[in-house]
Amino acid sequence: MLMSGPIESMLSPGFGCIILAVMDEPMQLPIDGVLDLHTFQPREVKNLVLDYLAACREKGVCEVRIIHGKGIGQLRRTVHAILEKHSQVISFTLDHPQFGGWGATLVRLEPAGKK
């Protein structure tokens, strides 16, 4: 799937990754249930999170950890706003304090084939 805007992401069926083109530099993200947003611009987050969740569901990964960092909390609020509106998100919560606490969010997705 090709996205428009400053970041283009493409689901790579059968390869288990998302291929990103940022400033013409391709970068692969493994679909392993962990998405670290530290290296991305805030404007890239919405499309990236939506594409990553779709790719996870396609691969049967229904538990996802999104690392947004602690900072001032703006990125966390953005991620949570996206998750609140996502029809395939069953639930989400901040990670356990021992594993990142409010710097990461754990997401439960409906298995593919539902909704």
Protein backbone atom coordinates (compact mmCIF):
# COMPACT_ATOMS: atom_id res chain seq x y z
CA MET A 1 0.00 0.00 0.00
CA LEU A 2 1.49 3.35 -1.01
CA MET A 3 0.79 6.37 1.16
CA SER A 4 1.12 9.98 0.13
CA GLY A 5 2.74 12.74 2.10
CA PRO A 6 6.21 13.26 3.52
CA ILE A 7 6.56 9.58 4.34
CA GLU A 8 5.53 6.81 2.02
CA SER A 9 4.98 3.38 3.45
CA MET A 10 4.26 0.21 1.60
CA LEU A 11 3.09 -3.04 3.10
CA SER A 12 5.33 -5.73 1.78
CA PRO A 13 3.13 -8.84 1.55
CA GLY A 14 4.93 -12.06 2.25
CA PHE A 15 8.05 -10.33 3.52
CA GLY A 16 6.81 -9.46 7.01
CA CYS A 17 7.90 -5.86 6.94
CA ILE A 18 6.82 -2.37 6.01
CA ILE A 19 9.07 -0.61 3.55
CA LEU A 20 9.31 3.11 4.19
CA ALA A 21 10.62 5.74 1.82
CA VAL A 22 11.72 8.79 3.76
CA MET A 23 13.54 11.32 1.63
CA ASP A 24 14.09 8.61 -0.98
CA GLU A 25 15.94 6.39 1.52
CA PRO A 26 14.15 3.02 1.83
CA MET A 27 13.95 1.56 5.31
CA GLN A 28 12.37 -1.72 6.39
CA LEU A 29 10.42 -2.13 9.59
CA PRO A 30 10.02 -5.71 10.78
CA ILE A 31 6.45 -6.74 11.65
CA ASP A 32 7.31 -8.26 15.01
CA GLY A 33 4.81 -6.52 17.27
CA VAL A 34 7.13 -3.71 18.39
CA LEU A 35 6.98 -0.28 16.77
CA ASP A 36 9.51 2.29 18.02
CA LEU A 37 8.49 5.80 16.98
CA HIS A 38 11.65 7.55 18.17
CA THR A 39 13.13 7.91 14.69
CA PHE A 40 10.01 9.31 13.03
CA GLN A 41 8.65 12.83 12.70
CA PRO A 42 5.32 13.55 14.42
CA ARG A 43 3.68 14.16 11.01
CA GLU A 44 4.58 10.59 10.00
CA VAL A 45 3.04 8.86 13.00
CA LYS A 46 -0.61 8.52 11.99
CA ASN A 47 -0.04 6.71 8.69
CA LEU A 48 2.80 4.68 10.13
CA VAL A 49 0.80 3.44 13.13
CA LEU A 50 -2.23 2.58 10.98
CA ASP A 51 -0.10 0.72 8.42
CA TYR A 52 1.85 -1.10 11.11
CA LEU A 53 -1.30 -2.27 12.90
CA ALA A 54 -2.76 -3.50 9.59
CA ALA A 55 0.44 -5.39 8.82
CA CYS A 56 0.46 -6.94 12.30
CA ARG A 57 -3.11 -8.16 11.92
CA GLU A 58 -2.29 -9.57 8.49
CA LYS A 59 0.60 -11.56 10.03
CA GLY A 60 -1.53 -12.70 12.98
CA VAL A 61 0.25 -10.46 15.50
CA CYS A 62 -2.52 -9.30 17.82
CA GLU A 63 -0.43 -7.85 20.64
CA VAL A 64 1.60 -4.79 19.71
CA ARG A 65 3.92 -2.58 21.73
CA ILE A 66 4.23 1.00 20.50
CA ILE A 67 7.19 2.88 21.95
CA HIS A 68 6.50 6.61 21.90
CA GLY A 69 8.83 7.74 24.65
CA LYS A 70 8.02 9.74 27.75
CA GLY A 71 8.94 13.34 26.87
CA ILE A 72 6.10 15.81 27.37
CA GLY A 73 3.49 13.25 26.32
CA GLN A 74 2.36 14.72 23.00
CA LEU A 75 3.33 11.67 20.95
CA ARG A 76 1.65 9.38 23.50
CA ARG A 77 -1.56 11.43 23.23
CA THR A 78 -1.38 11.28 19.44
CA VAL A 79 -0.94 7.50 19.47
CA HIS A 80 -3.79 7.05 21.96
CA ALA A 81 -6.09 9.25 19.85
CA ILE A 82 -5.35 7.04 16.82
CA LEU A 83 -5.98 3.87 18.83
CA GLU A 84 -9.26 5.18 20.30
CA LYS A 85 -10.68 5.58 16.79
CA HIS A 86 -9.31 2.32 15.35
CA SER A 87 -12.12 -0.21 14.90
CA GLN A 88 -9.85 -3.26 15.27
CA VAL A 89 -8.26 -2.17 18.56
CA ILE A 90 -9.76 -4.19 21.41
CA SER A 91 -7.86 -2.34 24.12
CA PHE A 92 -4.70 -0.44 24.90
CA THR A 93 -2.85 0.51 28.07
CA LEU A 94 0.45 1.94 29.15
CA ASP A 95 3.20 -0.62 29.57
CA HIS A 96 4.21 -1.99 32.98
CA PRO A 97 6.53 0.46 34.82
CA GLN A 98 9.32 -2.12 34.73
CA PHE A 99 9.16 -2.24 30.91
CA GLY A 100 8.80 1.40 29.92
CA GLY A 101 5.72 2.56 31.81
CA TRP A 102 4.22 5.64 30.24
CA GLY A 103 6.87 5.59 27.49
CA ALA A 104 5.18 2.69 25.68
CA THR A 105 1.64 1.53 24.95
CA LEU A 106 0.47 -2.07 24.71
CA VAL A 107 -2.26 -2.70 22.12
CA ARG A 108 -4.57 -5.69 21.70
CA LEU A 109 -5.96 -6.13 18.18
CA GLU A 110 -8.81 -8.22 16.89
CA PRO A 111 -7.55 -11.17 14.87
CA ALA A 112 -7.67 -10.79 11.10
CA GLY A 113 -10.95 -11.91 9.61
CA LYS A 114 -13.01 -10.02 12.17
CA LYS A 115 -14.52 -6.60 11.40
